[in-house]
Full PDB file with SEQRES, HELIX, SHEET, SSBOND, CRYST1, ORIGX, SCALE, CONECT and MASTER records, all heavy atoms in Angstrom:
SEQRES   1 A   43  THR VAL TYR GLU TRP ARG ARG GLY VAL GLU PRO THR MET          
SEQRES   2 A   43  VAL GLU ARG PRO ARG ALA GLU GLU LEU PRO GLU GLN GLN          
SEQRES   3 A   43  ASP GLU GLU ALA ILE ASP TRP GLY ASP LEU GLY VAL GLU          
SEQRES   4 A   43  SER ALA PRO THR                                              
HELIX    1 AA1 VAL A    2  ARG A    7  1                                   6    
HELIX    2 AA2 GLU A   28  ALA A   30  5                                   3    
CRYST1    1.000    1.000    1.000  90.00  90.00  90.00 P 1           1          
ORIGX1      1.000000  0.000000  0.000000        0.00000                         
ORIGX2      0.000000  1.000000  0.000000        0.00000                         
ORIGX3      0.000000  0.000000  1.000000        0.00000                         
SCALE1      1.000000  0.000000  0.000000        0.00000                         
SCALE2      0.000000  1.000000  0.000000        0.00000                         
SCALE3      0.000000  0.000000  1.000000        0.00000                         
ATOM      1  N   THR A   1     256.762 182.636 177.981  1.00  0.00           N  
ATOM      2  CA  THR A   1     255.797 181.946 177.138  1.00  0.00           C  
ATOM      3  C   THR A   1     256.125 182.183 175.671  1.00  0.00           C  
ATOM      4  O   THR A   1     256.844 183.136 175.313  1.00  0.00           O  
ATOM      5  CB  THR A   1     254.376 182.445 177.428  1.00  0.00           C  
ATOM      6  OG1 THR A   1     254.314 183.868 177.163  1.00  0.00           O  
ATOM      7  CG2 THR A   1     253.999 182.182 178.873  1.00  0.00           C  
ATOM      8  N   VAL A   2     255.583 181.318 174.825  1.00  0.00           N  
ATOM      9  CA  VAL A   2     255.758 181.488 173.378  1.00  0.00           C  
ATOM     10  C   VAL A   2     255.089 182.784 172.920  1.00  0.00           C  
ATOM     11  O   VAL A   2     255.572 183.460 171.995  1.00  0.00           O  
ATOM     12  CB  VAL A   2     255.187 180.257 172.644  1.00  0.00           C  
ATOM     13  CG1 VAL A   2     255.292 180.436 171.130  1.00  0.00           C  
ATOM     14  CG2 VAL A   2     255.889 178.991 173.089  1.00  0.00           C  
ATOM     15  N   TYR A   3     253.989 183.141 173.581  1.00  0.00           N  
ATOM     16  CA  TYR A   3     253.270 184.385 173.250  1.00  0.00           C  
ATOM     17  C   TYR A   3     254.206 185.589 173.410  1.00  0.00           C  
ATOM     18  O   TYR A   3     254.286 186.461 172.529  1.00  0.00           O  
ATOM     19  CB  TYR A   3     252.055 184.506 174.163  1.00  0.00           C  
ATOM     20  CG  TYR A   3     251.228 185.747 173.952  1.00  0.00           C  
ATOM     21  CD1 TYR A   3     250.125 185.735 173.116  1.00  0.00           C  
ATOM     22  CD2 TYR A   3     251.529 186.940 174.627  1.00  0.00           C  
ATOM     23  CE1 TYR A   3     249.354 186.879 172.927  1.00  0.00           C  
ATOM     24  CE2 TYR A   3     250.776 188.083 174.444  1.00  0.00           C  
ATOM     25  CZ  TYR A   3     249.686 188.051 173.587  1.00  0.00           C  
ATOM     26  OH  TYR A   3     248.937 189.187 173.402  1.00  0.00           O  
ATOM     27  N   GLU A   4     254.913 185.654 174.524  1.00  0.00           N  
ATOM     28  CA  GLU A   4     255.818 186.781 174.775  1.00  0.00           C  
ATOM     29  C   GLU A   4     256.978 186.775 173.807  1.00  0.00           C  
ATOM     30  O   GLU A   4     257.456 187.841 173.370  1.00  0.00           O  
ATOM     31  CB  GLU A   4     256.325 186.710 176.216  1.00  0.00           C  
ATOM     32  CG  GLU A   4     257.200 187.895 176.619  1.00  0.00           C  
ATOM     33  CD  GLU A   4     257.582 187.859 178.076  1.00  0.00           C  
ATOM     34  OE1 GLU A   4     257.028 187.001 178.807  1.00  0.00           O  
ATOM     35  OE2 GLU A   4     258.431 188.672 178.489  1.00  0.00           O  
ATOM     36  N   TRP A   5     257.459 185.604 173.409  1.00  0.00           N  
ATOM     37  CA  TRP A   5     258.576 185.528 172.457  1.00  0.00           C  
ATOM     38  C   TRP A   5     258.155 186.020 171.080  1.00  0.00           C  
ATOM     39  O   TRP A   5     258.891 186.735 170.409  1.00  0.00           O  
ATOM     40  CB  TRP A   5     259.075 184.089 172.403  1.00  0.00           C  
ATOM     41  CG  TRP A   5     259.714 183.686 171.103  1.00  0.00           C  
ATOM     42  CD1 TRP A   5     259.234 182.830 170.170  1.00  0.00           C  
ATOM     43  CD2 TRP A   5     260.987 184.108 170.602  1.00  0.00           C  
ATOM     44  NE1 TRP A   5     260.082 182.687 169.132  1.00  0.00           N  
ATOM     45  CE2 TRP A   5     261.189 183.484 169.360  1.00  0.00           C  
ATOM     46  CE3 TRP A   5     261.958 184.984 171.070  1.00  0.00           C  
ATOM     47  CZ2 TRP A   5     262.325 183.669 168.593  1.00  0.00           C  
ATOM     48  CZ3 TRP A   5     263.107 185.180 170.312  1.00  0.00           C  
ATOM     49  CH2 TRP A   5     263.286 184.524 169.085  1.00  0.00           C  
ATOM     50  N   ARG A   6     256.931 185.686 170.672  1.00  0.00           N  
ATOM     51  CA  ARG A   6     256.496 186.055 169.329  1.00  0.00           C  
ATOM     52  C   ARG A   6     256.030 187.507 169.250  1.00  0.00           C  
ATOM     53  O   ARG A   6     256.268 188.178 168.247  1.00  0.00           O  
ATOM     54  CB  ARG A   6     255.362 185.121 168.888  1.00  0.00           C  
ATOM     55  CG  ARG A   6     255.842 183.699 168.619  1.00  0.00           C  
ATOM     56  CD  ARG A   6     254.702 182.783 168.241  1.00  0.00           C  
ATOM     57  NE  ARG A   6     255.178 181.431 167.909  1.00  0.00           N  
ATOM     58  CZ  ARG A   6     254.402 180.400 167.645  1.00  0.00           C  
ATOM     59  NH1 ARG A   6     253.066 180.568 167.677  1.00  0.00           N  
ATOM     60  NH2 ARG A   6     254.909 179.223 167.356  1.00  0.00           N  
ATOM     61  N   ARG A   7     255.372 188.008 170.318  1.00  0.00           N  
ATOM     62  CA  ARG A   7     254.808 189.358 170.254  1.00  0.00           C  
ATOM     63  C   ARG A   7     255.626 190.392 170.987  1.00  0.00           C  
ATOM     64  O   ARG A   7     255.384 191.594 170.846  1.00  0.00           O  
ATOM     65  CB  ARG A   7     253.381 189.336 170.816  1.00  0.00           C  
ATOM     66  CG  ARG A   7     252.474 188.339 170.093  1.00  0.00           C  
ATOM     67  CD  ARG A   7     251.022 188.599 170.380  1.00  0.00           C  
ATOM     68  NE  ARG A   7     250.161 187.632 169.705  1.00  0.00           N  
ATOM     69  CZ  ARG A   7     248.847 187.741 169.638  1.00  0.00           C  
ATOM     70  NH1 ARG A   7     248.238 188.772 170.235  1.00  0.00           N  
ATOM     71  NH2 ARG A   7     248.130 186.819 169.015  1.00  0.00           N  
ATOM     72  N   GLY A   8     256.560 189.953 171.806  1.00  0.00           N  
ATOM     73  CA  GLY A   8     257.431 190.892 172.492  1.00  0.00           C  
ATOM     74  C   GLY A   8     256.829 191.514 173.731  1.00  0.00           C  
ATOM     75  O   GLY A   8     257.484 192.350 174.366  1.00  0.00           O  
ATOM     76  N   VAL A   9     255.603 191.149 174.089  1.00  0.00           N  
ATOM     77  CA  VAL A   9     254.970 191.696 175.297  1.00  0.00           C  
ATOM     78  C   VAL A   9     254.495 190.538 176.154  1.00  0.00           C  
ATOM     79  O   VAL A   9     254.156 189.456 175.661  1.00  0.00           O  
ATOM     80  CB  VAL A   9     253.782 192.621 174.942  1.00  0.00           C  
ATOM     81  CG1 VAL A   9     254.272 193.865 174.234  1.00  0.00           C  
ATOM     82  CG2 VAL A   9     252.749 191.870 174.096  1.00  0.00           C  
ATOM     83  N   GLU A  10     254.433 190.753 177.436  1.00  0.00           N  
ATOM     84  CA  GLU A  10     254.000 189.729 178.368  1.00  0.00           C  
ATOM     85  C   GLU A  10     252.478 189.639 178.352  1.00  0.00           C  
ATOM     86  O   GLU A  10     251.799 190.664 178.373  1.00  0.00           O  
ATOM     87  CB  GLU A  10     254.498 190.061 179.766  1.00  0.00           C  
ATOM     88  CG  GLU A  10     254.217 188.981 180.789  1.00  0.00           C  
ATOM     89  CD  GLU A  10     254.819 189.319 182.134  1.00  0.00           C  
ATOM     90  OE1 GLU A  10     255.511 190.354 182.224  1.00  0.00           O  
ATOM     91  OE2 GLU A  10     254.573 188.562 183.097  1.00  0.00           O  
ATOM     92  N   PRO A  11     251.921 188.424 178.290  1.00  0.00           N  
ATOM     93  CA  PRO A  11     250.450 188.310 178.247  1.00  0.00           C  
ATOM     94  C   PRO A  11     249.832 188.683 179.587  1.00  0.00           C  
ATOM     95  O   PRO A  11     250.427 188.514 180.650  1.00  0.00           O  
ATOM     96  CB  PRO A  11     250.235 186.826 177.924  1.00  0.00           C  
ATOM     97  CG  PRO A  11     251.448 186.149 178.457  1.00  0.00           C  
ATOM     98  CD  PRO A  11     252.593 187.119 178.265  1.00  0.00           C  
ATOM     99  N   THR A  12     248.606 189.218 179.489  1.00  0.00           N  
ATOM    100  CA  THR A  12     247.880 189.558 180.721  1.00  0.00           C  
ATOM    101  C   THR A  12     247.221 188.333 181.347  1.00  0.00           C  
ATOM    102  O   THR A  12     246.960 188.311 182.553  1.00  0.00           O  
ATOM    103  CB  THR A  12     246.801 190.595 180.399  1.00  0.00           C  
ATOM    104  OG1 THR A  12     245.926 190.063 179.391  1.00  0.00           O  
ATOM    105  CG2 THR A  12     247.439 191.887 179.894  1.00  0.00           C  
ATOM    106  N   MET A  13     246.962 187.303 180.533  1.00  0.00           N  
ATOM    107  CA  MET A  13     246.345 186.085 181.039  1.00  0.00           C  
ATOM    108  C   MET A  13     246.904 184.893 180.255  1.00  0.00           C  
ATOM    109  O   MET A  13     247.108 184.980 179.047  1.00  0.00           O  
ATOM    110  CB  MET A  13     244.816 186.149 180.871  1.00  0.00           C  
ATOM    111  CG  MET A  13     244.078 184.907 181.399  1.00  0.00           C  
ATOM    112  SD  MET A  13     242.305 185.006 181.106  1.00  0.00           S  
ATOM    113  CE  MET A  13     241.905 186.478 182.052  1.00  0.00           C  
ATOM    114  N   VAL A  14     247.168 183.816 180.967  1.00  0.00           N  
ATOM    115  CA  VAL A  14     247.711 182.603 180.347  1.00  0.00           C  
ATOM    116  C   VAL A  14     246.712 181.472 180.566  1.00  0.00           C  
ATOM    117  O   VAL A  14     246.402 181.136 181.710  1.00  0.00           O  
ATOM    118  CB  VAL A  14     249.083 182.222 180.935  1.00  0.00           C  
ATOM    119  CG1 VAL A  14     249.579 180.918 180.320  1.00  0.00           C  
ATOM    120  CG2 VAL A  14     250.083 183.352 180.715  1.00  0.00           C  
ATOM    121  N   GLU A  15     246.196 180.911 179.475  1.00  0.00           N  
ATOM    122  CA  GLU A  15     245.284 179.779 179.532  1.00  0.00           C  
ATOM    123  C   GLU A  15     246.008 178.567 178.947  1.00  0.00           C  
ATOM    124  O   GLU A  15     245.996 178.336 177.737  1.00  0.00           O  
ATOM    125  CB  GLU A  15     244.001 180.070 178.747  1.00  0.00           C  
ATOM    126  CG  GLU A  15     243.188 181.212 179.335  1.00  0.00           C  
ATOM    127  CD  GLU A  15     241.909 181.463 178.544  1.00  0.00           C  
ATOM    128  OE1 GLU A  15     241.666 180.698 177.573  1.00  0.00           O  
ATOM    129  OE2 GLU A  15     241.170 182.399 178.895  1.00  0.00           O  
ATOM    130  N   ARG A  16     246.654 177.824 179.821  1.00  0.00           N  
ATOM    131  CA  ARG A  16     247.448 176.676 179.382  1.00  0.00           C  
ATOM    132  C   ARG A  16     246.537 175.562 178.878  1.00  0.00           C  
ATOM    133  O   ARG A  16     245.429 175.362 179.395  1.00  0.00           O  
ATOM    134  CB  ARG A  16     248.321 176.144 180.525  1.00  0.00           C  
ATOM    135  CG  ARG A  16     249.403 177.124 180.961  1.00  0.00           C  
ATOM    136  CD  ARG A  16     250.208 176.546 182.110  1.00  0.00           C  
ATOM    137  NE  ARG A  16     250.827 175.283 181.757  1.00  0.00           N  
ATOM    138  CZ  ARG A  16     251.987 175.170 181.141  1.00  0.00           C  
ATOM    139  NH1 ARG A  16     252.672 176.270 180.792  1.00  0.00           N  
ATOM    140  NH2 ARG A  16     252.497 173.993 180.850  1.00  0.00           N  
ATOM    141  N   PRO A  17     246.986 174.831 177.872  1.00  0.00           N  
ATOM    142  CA  PRO A  17     246.162 173.696 177.398  1.00  0.00           C  
ATOM    143  C   PRO A  17     246.026 172.647 178.487  1.00  0.00           C  
ATOM    144  O   PRO A  17     246.953 172.384 179.241  1.00  0.00           O  
ATOM    145  CB  PRO A  17     246.954 173.166 176.189  1.00  0.00           C  
ATOM    146  CG  PRO A  17     248.350 173.668 176.379  1.00  0.00           C  
ATOM    147  CD  PRO A  17     248.229 174.971 177.107  1.00  0.00           C  
ATOM    148  N   ARG A  18     244.842 172.086 178.548  1.00  0.00           N  
ATOM    149  CA  ARG A  18     244.560 171.102 179.586  1.00  0.00           C  
ATOM    150  C   ARG A  18     245.277 169.796 179.269  1.00  0.00           C  
ATOM    151  O   ARG A  18     245.145 169.256 178.178  1.00  0.00           O  
ATOM    152  CB  ARG A  18     243.049 170.860 179.681  1.00  0.00           C  
ATOM    153  CG  ARG A  18     242.643 169.954 180.843  1.00  0.00           C  
ATOM    154  CD  ARG A  18     241.140 169.831 180.918  1.00  0.00           C  
ATOM    155  NE  ARG A  18     240.727 168.993 182.027  1.00  0.00           N  
ATOM    156  CZ  ARG A  18     239.467 168.712 182.323  1.00  0.00           C  
ATOM    157  NH1 ARG A  18     238.496 169.229 181.562  1.00  0.00           N  
ATOM    158  NH2 ARG A  18     239.176 167.932 183.349  1.00  0.00           N  
ATOM    159  N   ALA A  19     246.052 169.326 180.234  1.00  0.00           N  
ATOM    160  CA  ALA A  19     246.802 168.085 180.031  1.00  0.00           C  
ATOM    161  C   ALA A  19     245.856 166.900 180.067  1.00  0.00           C  
ATOM    162  O   ALA A  19     244.866 166.885 180.792  1.00  0.00           O  
ATOM    163  CB  ALA A  19     247.883 167.925 181.112  1.00  0.00           C  
ATOM    164  N   GLU A  20     246.182 165.911 179.256  1.00  0.00           N  
ATOM    165  CA  GLU A  20     245.380 164.685 179.226  1.00  0.00           C  
ATOM    166  C   GLU A  20     245.600 163.893 180.506  1.00  0.00           C  
ATOM    167  O   GLU A  20     246.727 163.599 180.886  1.00  0.00           O  
ATOM    168  CB  GLU A  20     245.789 163.825 178.023  1.00  0.00           C  
ATOM    169  CG  GLU A  20     244.997 162.543 177.900  1.00  0.00           C  
ATOM    170  CD  GLU A  20     245.469 161.706 176.727  1.00  0.00           C  
ATOM    171  OE1 GLU A  20     246.385 162.164 176.026  1.00  0.00           O  
ATOM    172  OE2 GLU A  20     244.931 160.605 176.533  1.00  0.00           O  
ATOM    173  N   GLU A  21     244.516 163.583 181.155  1.00  0.00           N  
ATOM    174  CA  GLU A  21     244.601 162.838 182.411  1.00  0.00           C  
ATOM    175  C   GLU A  21     244.358 161.361 182.136  1.00  0.00           C  
ATOM    176  O   GLU A  21     243.365 160.982 181.542  1.00  0.00           O  
ATOM    177  CB  GLU A  21     243.558 163.359 183.414  1.00  0.00           C  
ATOM    178  CG  GLU A  21     243.802 164.809 183.831  1.00  0.00           C  
ATOM    179  CD  GLU A  21     242.788 165.261 184.859  1.00  0.00           C  
ATOM    180  OE1 GLU A  21     241.918 164.429 185.202  1.00  0.00           O  
ATOM    181  OE2 GLU A  21     242.861 166.416 185.304  1.00  0.00           O  
ATOM    182  N   LEU A  22     245.320 160.574 182.569  1.00  0.00           N  
ATOM    183  CA  LEU A  22     245.203 159.127 182.388  1.00  0.00           C  
ATOM    184  C   LEU A  22     244.465 158.531 183.575  1.00  0.00           C  
ATOM    185  O   LEU A  22     244.901 158.692 184.713  1.00  0.00           O  
ATOM    186  CB  LEU A  22     246.594 158.496 182.268  1.00  0.00           C  
ATOM    187  CG  LEU A  22     247.373 158.901 181.017  1.00  0.00           C  
ATOM    188  CD1 LEU A  22     248.724 158.228 181.041  1.00  0.00           C  
ATOM    189  CD2 LEU A  22     246.623 158.530 179.772  1.00  0.00           C  
ATOM    190  N   PRO A  23     243.360 157.863 183.336  1.00  0.00           N  
ATOM    191  CA  PRO A  23     242.638 157.268 184.470  1.00  0.00           C  
ATOM    192  C   PRO A  23     243.419 156.112 185.063  1.00  0.00           C  
ATOM    193  O   PRO A  23     244.143 155.406 184.367  1.00  0.00           O  
ATOM    194  CB  PRO A  23     241.331 156.779 183.836  1.00  0.00           C  
ATOM    195  CG  PRO A  23     241.687 156.532 182.397  1.00  0.00           C  
ATOM    196  CD  PRO A  23     242.735 157.560 182.049  1.00  0.00           C  
ATOM    197  N   GLU A  24     243.270 155.963 186.354  1.00  0.00           N  
ATOM    198  CA  GLU A  24     243.890 154.821 187.032  1.00  0.00           C  
ATOM    199  C   GLU A  24     243.179 153.548 186.594  1.00  0.00           C  
ATOM    200  O   GLU A  24     242.006 153.552 186.213  1.00  0.00           O  
ATOM    201  CB  GLU A  24     243.782 154.976 188.553  1.00  0.00           C  
ATOM    202  CG  GLU A  24     244.580 156.139 189.105  1.00  0.00           C  
ATOM    203  CD  GLU A  24     246.068 155.886 189.058  1.00  0.00           C  
ATOM    204  OE1 GLU A  24     246.464 154.725 188.914  1.00  0.00           O  
ATOM    205  OE2 GLU A  24     246.821 156.868 189.160  1.00  0.00           O  
ATOM    206  N   GLN A  25     243.890 152.446 186.636  1.00  0.00           N  
ATOM    207  CA  GLN A  25     243.288 151.176 186.275  1.00  0.00           C  
ATOM    208  C   GLN A  25     242.189 150.834 187.273  1.00  0.00           C  
ATOM    209  O   GLN A  25     242.386 150.895 188.481  1.00  0.00           O  
ATOM    210  CB  GLN A  25     244.348 150.073 186.266  1.00  0.00           C  
ATOM    211  CG  GLN A  25     245.407 150.290 185.201  1.00  0.00           C  
ATOM    212  CD  GLN A  25     246.428 149.168 185.214  1.00  0.00           C  
ATOM    213  OE1 GLN A  25     246.401 148.318 186.089  1.00  0.00           O  
ATOM    214  NE2 GLN A  25     247.314 149.174 184.245  1.00  0.00           N  
ATOM    215  N   GLN A  26     241.034 150.505 186.736  1.00  0.00           N  
ATOM    216  CA  GLN A  26     239.904 150.194 187.591  1.00  0.00           C  
ATOM    217  C   GLN A  26     239.475 148.752 187.369  1.00  0.00           C  
ATOM    218  O   GLN A  26     239.708 148.173 186.315  1.00  0.00           O  
ATOM    219  CB  GLN A  26     238.728 151.127 187.304  1.00  0.00           C  
ATOM    220  CG  GLN A  26     238.243 151.095 185.845  1.00  0.00           C  
ATOM    221  CD  GLN A  26     237.116 152.056 185.624  1.00  0.00           C  
ATOM    222  OE1 GLN A  26     236.660 152.698 186.545  1.00  0.00           O  
ATOM    223  NE2 GLN A  26     236.644 152.142 184.395  1.00  0.00           N  
ATOM    224  N   ASP A  27     238.858 148.210 188.380  1.00  0.00           N  
ATOM    225  CA  ASP A  27     238.416 146.828 188.302  1.00  0.00           C  
ATOM    226  C   ASP A  27     237.213 146.715 187.379  1.00  0.00           C  
ATOM    227  O   ASP A  27     236.466 147.669 187.151  1.00  0.00           O  
ATOM    228  CB  ASP A  27     238.032 146.298 189.692  1.00  0.00           C  
ATOM    229  CG  ASP A  27     239.229 146.311 190.614  1.00  0.00           C  
ATOM    230  OD1 ASP A  27     240.358 146.234 190.097  1.00  0.00           O  
ATOM    231  OD2 ASP A  27     239.020 146.413 191.846  1.00  0.00           O  
ATOM    232  N   GLU A  28     237.040 145.522 186.849  1.00  0.00           N  
ATOM    233  CA  GLU A  28     235.917 145.295 185.949  1.00  0.00           C  
ATOM    234  C   GLU A  28     234.590 145.442 186.671  1.00  0.00           C  
ATOM    235  O   GLU A  28     233.596 145.850 186.092  1.00  0.00           O  
ATOM    236  CB  GLU A  28     236.032 143.888 185.350  1.00  0.00           C  
ATOM    237  CG  GLU A  28     234.993 143.617 184.267  1.00  0.00           C  
ATOM    238  CD  GLU A  28     235.191 142.266 183.634  1.00  0.00           C  
ATOM    239  OE1 GLU A  28     236.174 141.598 183.985  1.00  0.00           O  
ATOM    240  OE2 GLU A  28     234.353 141.884 182.808  1.00  0.00           O  
ATOM    241  N   GLU A  29     234.606 145.144 187.998  1.00  0.00           N  
ATOM    242  CA  GLU A  29     233.369 145.269 188.750  1.00  0.00           C  
ATOM    243  C   GLU A  29     232.927 146.716 188.892  1.00  0.00           C  
ATOM    244  O   GLU A  29     231.769 147.003 189.124  1.00  0.00           O  
ATOM    245  CB  GLU A  29     233.549 144.640 190.136  1.00  0.00           C  
ATOM    246  CG  GLU A  29     233.851 143.144 190.069  1.00  0.00           C  
ATOM    247  CD  GLU A  29     234.072 142.576 191.454  1.00  0.00           C  
ATOM    248  OE1 GLU A  29     234.071 143.385 192.410  1.00  0.00           O  
ATOM    249  OE2 GLU A  29     234.221 141.357 191.585  1.00  0.00           O  
ATOM    250  N   ALA A  30     233.904 147.649 188.766  1.00  0.00           N  
ATOM    251  CA  ALA A  30     233.568 149.060 188.952  1.00  0.00           C  
ATOM    252  C   ALA A  30     232.945 149.682 187.713  1.00  0.00           C  
ATOM    253  O   ALA A  30     232.523 150.819 187.737  1.00  0.00           O  
ATOM    254  CB  ALA A  30     234.814 149.850 189.339  1.00  0.00           C  
ATOM    255  N   ILE A  31     232.922 148.962 186.590  1.00  0.00           N  
ATOM    256  CA  ILE A  31     232.365 149.504 185.352  1.00  0.00           C  
ATOM    257  C   ILE A  31     230.842 149.463 185.435  1.00  0.00           C  
ATOM    258  O   ILE A  31     230.255 148.420 185.709  1.00  0.00           O  
ATOM    259  CB  ILE A  31     232.864 148.710 184.142  1.00  0.00           C  
ATOM    260  CG1 ILE A  31     234.393 148.759 184.076  1.00  0.00           C  
ATOM    261  CG2 ILE A  31     232.255 149.224 182.860  1.00  0.00           C  
ATOM    262  CD1 ILE A  31     234.963 147.920 182.960  1.00  0.00           C  
ATOM    263  N   ASP A  32     230.225 150.611 185.183  1.00  0.00           N  
ATOM    264  CA  ASP A  32     228.765 150.695 185.216  1.00  0.00           C  
ATOM    265  C   ASP A  32     228.242 150.469 183.809  1.00  0.00           C  
ATOM    266  O   ASP A  32     228.408 151.320 182.928  1.00  0.00           O  
ATOM    267  CB  ASP A  32     228.338 152.071 185.742  1.00  0.00           C  
ATOM    268  CG  ASP A  32     226.824 152.153 185.864  1.00  0.00           C  
ATOM    269  OD1 ASP A  32     226.168 151.093 185.731  1.00  0.00           O  
ATOM    270  OD2 ASP A  32     226.308 153.263 186.086  1.00  0.00           O  
ATOM    271  N   TRP A  33     227.667 149.312 183.586  1.00  0.00           N  
ATOM    272  CA  TRP A  33     227.153 148.991 182.265  1.00  0.00           C  
ATOM    273  C   TRP A  33     225.766 149.577 182.025  1.00  0.00           C  
ATOM    274  O   TRP A  33     225.203 149.432 180.936  1.00  0.00           O  
ATOM    275  CB  TRP A  33     227.089 147.471 182.093  1.00  0.00           C  
ATOM    276  CG  TRP A  33     228.434 146.816 182.165  1.00  0.00           C  
ATOM    277  CD1 TRP A  33     228.967 146.130 183.204  1.00  0.00           C  
ATOM    278  CD2 TRP A  33     229.433 146.805 181.150  1.00  0.00           C  
ATOM    279  NE1 TRP A  33     230.227 145.703 182.895  1.00  0.00           N  
ATOM    280  CE2 TRP A  33     230.540 146.094 181.650  1.00  0.00           C  
ATOM    281  CE3 TRP A  33     229.504 147.335 179.849  1.00  0.00           C  
ATOM    282  CZ2 TRP A  33     231.686 145.901 180.915  1.00  0.00           C  
ATOM    283  CZ3 TRP A  33     230.640 147.135 179.110  1.00  0.00           C  
ATOM    284  CH2 TRP A  33     231.730 146.427 179.641  1.00  0.00           C  
ATOM    285  N   GLY A  34     225.215 150.248 183.022  1.00  0.00           N  
ATOM    286  CA  GLY A  34     223.903 150.856 182.852  1.00  0.00           C  
ATOM    287  C   GLY A  34     222.776 149.834 182.897  1.00  0.00           C  
ATOM    288  O   GLY A  34     222.977 148.654 183.146  1.00  0.00           O  
ATOM    289  N   ASP A  35     221.546 150.324 182.660  1.00  0.00           N  
ATOM    290  CA  ASP A  35     220.380 149.451 182.677  1.00  0.00           C  
ATOM    291  C   ASP A  35     220.227 148.829 181.296  1.00  0.00           C  
ATOM    292  O   ASP A  35     220.136 149.523 180.287  1.00  0.00           O  
ATOM    293  CB  ASP A  35     219.128 150.276 183.017  1.00  0.00           C  
ATOM    294  CG  ASP A  35     217.935 149.381 183.299  1.00  0.00           C  
ATOM    295  OD1 ASP A  35     218.107 148.148 183.155  1.00  0.00           O  
ATOM    296  OD2 ASP A  35     216.875 149.906 183.651  1.00  0.00           O  
ATOM    297  N   LEU A  36     220.302 147.511 181.241  1.00  0.00           N  
ATOM    298  CA  LEU A  36     220.245 146.807 179.963  1.00  0.00           C  
ATOM    299  C   LEU A  36     218.809 146.580 179.508  1.00  0.00           C  
ATOM    300  O   LEU A  36     218.535 145.647 178.756  1.00  0.00           O  
ATOM    301  CB  LEU A  36     220.989 145.470 180.072  1.00  0.00           C  
ATOM    302  CG  LEU A  36     222.483 145.598 180.360  1.00  0.00           C  
ATOM    303  CD1 LEU A  36     223.103 144.211 180.466  1.00  0.00           C  
ATOM    304  CD2 LEU A  36     223.167 146.409 179.278  1.00  0.00           C  
ATOM    305  N   GLY A  37     217.858 147.385 179.976  1.00  0.00           N  
ATOM    306  CA  GLY A  37     216.493 147.288 179.478  1.00  0.00           C  
ATOM    307  C   GLY A  37     215.631 146.297 180.221  1.00  0.00           C  
ATOM    308  O   GLY A  37     214.727 145.700 179.636  1.00  0.00           O  
ATOM    309  N   VAL A  38     215.930 146.134 181.515  1.00  0.00           N  
ATOM    310  CA  VAL A  38     215.089 145.225 182.305  1.00  0.00           C  
ATOM    311  C   VAL A  38     213.688 145.796 182.435  1.00  0.00           C  
ATOM    312  O   VAL A  38     212.693 145.094 182.363  1.00  0.00           O  
ATOM    313  CB  VAL A  38     215.724 144.991 183.686  1.00  0.00           C  
ATOM    314  CG1 VAL A  38     214.836 144.107 184.538  1.00  0.00           C  
ATOM    315  CG2 VAL A  38     217.096 144.373 183.517  1.00  0.00           C  
ATOM    316  N   GLU A  39     213.604 147.119 182.619  1.00  0.00           N  
ATOM    317  CA  GLU A  39     212.307 147.780 182.716  1.00  0.00           C  
ATOM    318  C   GLU A  39     212.231 148.826 181.617  1.00  0.00           C  
ATOM    319  O   GLU A  39     213.185 149.558 181.369  1.00  0.00           O  
ATOM    320  CB  GLU A  39     212.143 148.441 184.082  1.00  0.00           C  
ATOM    321  CG  GLU A  39     212.141 147.435 185.243  1.00  0.00           C  
ATOM    322  CD  GLU A  39     211.941 148.136 186.559  1.00  0.00           C  
ATOM    323  OE1 GLU A  39     211.843 149.380 186.529  1.00  0.00           O  
ATOM    324  OE2 GLU A  39     211.873 147.463 187.591  1.00  0.00           O  
ATOM    325  N   SER A  40     211.085 148.917 180.981  1.00  0.00           N  
ATOM    326  CA  SER A  40     210.909 149.885 179.910  1.00  0.00           C  
ATOM    327  C   SER A  40     210.706 151.264 180.493  1.00  0.00           C  
ATOM    328  O   SER A  40     210.203 151.427 181.606  1.00  0.00           O  
ATOM    329  CB  SER A  40     209.714 149.487 179.044  1.00  0.00           C  
ATOM    330  OG  SER A  40     208.553 149.420 179.841  1.00  0.00           O  
ATOM    331  N   ALA A  41     211.111 152.267 179.727  1.00  0.00           N  
ATOM    332  CA  ALA A  41     210.963 153.649 180.187  1.00  0.00           C  
ATOM    333  C   ALA A  41     209.497 154.025 180.202  1.00  0.00           C  
ATOM    334  O   ALA A  41     208.698 153.554 179.374  1.00  0.00           O  
ATOM    335  CB  ALA A  41     211.736 154.586 179.263  1.00  0.00           C  
ATOM    336  N   PRO A  42     209.070 154.883 181.144  1.00  0.00           N  
ATOM    337  CA  PRO A  42     207.649 155.291 181.191  1.00  0.00           C  
ATOM    338  C   PRO A  42     207.269 156.107 179.976  1.00  0.00           C  
ATOM    339  O   PRO A  42     208.094 156.807 179.391  1.00  0.00           O  
ATOM    340  CB  PRO A  42     207.584 156.117 182.479  1.00  0.00           C  
ATOM    341  CG  PRO A  42     208.979 156.592 182.705  1.00  0.00           C  
ATOM    342  CD  PRO A  42     209.876 155.505 182.206  1.00  0.00           C  
ATOM    343  N   THR A  43     206.023 156.025 179.644  1.00  0.00           N  
ATOM    344  CA  THR A  43     205.518 156.747 178.482  1.00  0.00           C  
ATOM    345  C   THR A  43     205.378 158.224 178.817  1.00  0.00           C  
ATOM    346  O   THR A  43     204.795 158.585 179.844  1.00  0.00           O  
ATOM    347  CB  THR A  43     204.144 156.195 178.074  1.00  0.00           C  
ATOM    348  OG1 THR A  43     204.286 154.795 177.843  1.00  0.00           O  
ATOM    349  CG2 THR A  43     203.629 156.889 176.837  1.00  0.00           C  
TER     350      THR A  43                                                      
MASTER        0    0    0    2    0    0    0    6  349    1    0    4          
END                                                                             
């Protein structure tokens, strides 16, 4: 790791950066547009 190269000691724990996940192409029908205000929220 770069940590070991710079500090000369092996790290006790490695927390790798989370890779960006590309979503698969989804159909337009699968998009949830939510409730467009057909019913008002309760008071």
